[in-house]
């Protein structure tokens, strides 16, 4: 079971642990907040990749951010990061810009999930 847990020092410090069956599996940091949009970075432990943890955790993050009044997620991915590009495509992101340094993708928030804020 995937959960995210808010670990920021305040409500506006948007850092989360990703938990897989209660064990630390990675993290998400929301690093650009310009309502109605936000962007983020995500990291999953190498041994736990390709098991759906990132996708499930992002769906939880999207629901949390939707509750906070946001309506769009924006992410930039290195053009060479095929795994991240595939992940974001599977989540319904659309490419809005591309150059040699980054692919910019946008997604409207629609996911339904629950968040663990212990």
Protein backbone atom coordinates (compact mmCIF):
# COMPACT_ATOMS: atom_id res chain seq x y z
CA UNK A 1 0.00 0.00 0.00
CA UNK A 2 1.32 3.42 -0.96
CA UNK A 3 0.82 6.46 1.25
CA UNK A 4 2.33 9.92 1.39
CA UNK A 5 3.02 11.64 4.69
CA UNK A 6 3.53 15.38 5.03
CA UNK A 7 6.94 16.00 6.64
CA UNK A 8 7.23 19.74 6.10
CA UNK A 9 7.76 21.99 9.12
CA UNK A 10 4.60 23.96 8.30
CA UNK A 11 1.47 23.62 6.20
CA UNK A 12 3.20 25.60 3.42
CA UNK A 13 6.38 23.44 3.51
CA UNK A 14 5.18 20.86 1.01
CA UNK A 15 7.52 17.92 1.47
CA UNK A 16 6.22 14.37 1.69
CA UNK A 17 7.64 10.93 2.39
CA UNK A 18 6.45 8.14 0.14
CA UNK A 19 5.66 5.06 2.21
CA UNK A 20 5.35 1.57 0.74
CA UNK A 21 3.74 -0.83 3.22
CA UNK A 22 4.76 1.60 5.99
CA UNK A 23 8.42 1.75 4.93
CA UNK A 24 10.17 4.85 3.55
CA UNK A 25 10.31 4.47 -0.23
CA UNK A 26 11.11 8.00 -1.44
CA UNK A 27 9.94 11.57 -1.35
CA UNK A 28 8.13 14.36 -3.13
CA UNK A 29 8.90 18.06 -2.85
CA UNK A 30 6.56 20.72 -4.20
CA UNK A 31 9.04 23.41 -5.20
CA UNK A 32 7.11 25.91 -7.24
CA UNK A 33 3.70 27.09 -6.12
CA UNK A 34 1.96 29.66 -8.32
CA UNK A 35 -1.77 29.07 -7.95
CA UNK A 36 -3.56 27.53 -9.69
CA UNK A 37 -0.40 25.61 -10.74
CA UNK A 38 2.33 23.80 -8.83
CA UNK A 39 5.38 21.77 -9.81
CA UNK A 40 7.27 19.09 -7.96
CA UNK A 41 10.16 16.69 -7.87
CA UNK A 42 9.83 13.02 -6.97
CA UNK A 43 12.39 10.38 -6.03
CA UNK A 44 11.81 6.68 -5.38
CA UNK A 45 14.47 4.36 -3.93
CA UNK A 46 16.18 2.46 -6.78
CA UNK A 47 15.24 -0.95 -5.34
CA UNK A 48 11.56 0.04 -5.34
CA UNK A 49 11.28 1.50 -8.84
CA UNK A 50 9.02 0.01 -11.53
CA UNK A 51 6.50 -1.20 -8.94
CA UNK A 52 3.95 1.60 -9.32
CA UNK A 53 5.06 3.54 -6.25
CA UNK A 54 5.71 6.81 -8.07
CA UNK A 55 2.40 6.72 -9.94
CA UNK A 56 0.38 5.92 -6.81
CA UNK A 57 2.22 8.55 -4.76
CA UNK A 58 1.66 11.21 -7.41
CA UNK A 59 -2.05 10.47 -7.53
CA UNK A 60 -2.13 11.01 -3.76
CA UNK A 61 -0.17 14.25 -4.12
CA UNK A 62 -2.56 15.48 -6.82
CA UNK A 63 -5.53 14.89 -4.53
CA UNK A 64 -3.79 16.72 -1.67
CA UNK A 65 -2.97 19.68 -3.89
CA UNK A 66 -6.52 19.72 -5.28
CA UNK A 67 -7.78 20.00 -1.68
CA UNK A 68 -5.43 22.97 -1.26
CA UNK A 69 -7.10 24.74 -4.19
CA UNK A 70 -4.72 23.90 -7.05
CA UNK A 71 -6.01 22.80 -10.45
CA UNK A 72 -2.87 22.02 -12.49
CA UNK A 73 0.37 20.13 -12.00
CA UNK A 74 3.39 21.10 -14.10
CA UNK A 75 6.58 19.07 -14.31
CA UNK A 76 9.82 19.33 -16.24
CA UNK A 77 11.61 16.15 -17.23
CA UNK A 78 14.98 15.66 -18.90
CA UNK A 79 14.41 14.54 -22.51
CA UNK A 80 16.62 11.51 -21.86
CA UNK A 81 14.55 10.32 -18.85
CA UNK A 82 12.35 7.82 -20.68
CA UNK A 83 10.97 6.28 -17.48
CA UNK A 84 9.74 9.62 -16.13
CA UNK A 85 8.30 10.65 -19.48
CA UNK A 86 6.41 7.33 -19.67
CA UNK A 87 5.18 7.72 -16.08
CA UNK A 88 3.84 11.21 -16.73
CA UNK A 89 2.24 10.18 -20.01
CA UNK A 90 0.46 7.35 -18.15
CA UNK A 91 -0.86 9.94 -15.69
CA UNK A 92 -2.41 12.02 -18.48
CA UNK A 93 0.18 14.78 -18.72
CA UNK A 94 0.43 16.65 -22.01
CA UNK A 95 3.65 18.06 -23.44
CA UNK A 96 3.48 21.86 -23.63
CA UNK A 97 7.12 22.66 -24.43
CA UNK A 98 10.32 20.85 -25.35
CA UNK A 99 13.93 21.84 -25.82
CA UNK A 100 17.32 20.16 -25.41
CA UNK A 101 17.23 20.62 -21.59
CA UNK A 102 13.66 19.78 -20.59
CA UNK A 103 10.24 18.56 -21.60
CA UNK A 104 7.48 20.53 -19.87
CA UNK A 105 4.29 18.61 -19.14
CA UNK A 106 0.95 19.77 -17.67
CA UNK A 107 -1.97 17.86 -16.16
CA UNK A 108 -5.33 18.98 -14.78
CA UNK A 109 -6.01 17.61 -11.30
CA UNK A 110 -8.76 15.02 -11.38
CA UNK A 111 -7.46 12.03 -9.40
CA UNK A 112 -9.27 10.66 -6.36
CA UNK A 113 -7.20 9.22 -3.52
CA UNK A 114 -6.50 9.50 0.20
CA UNK A 115 -3.51 10.91 2.04
CA UNK A 116 -1.94 9.86 5.33
CA UNK A 117 -0.88 12.99 7.29
CA UNK A 118 0.53 11.33 10.39
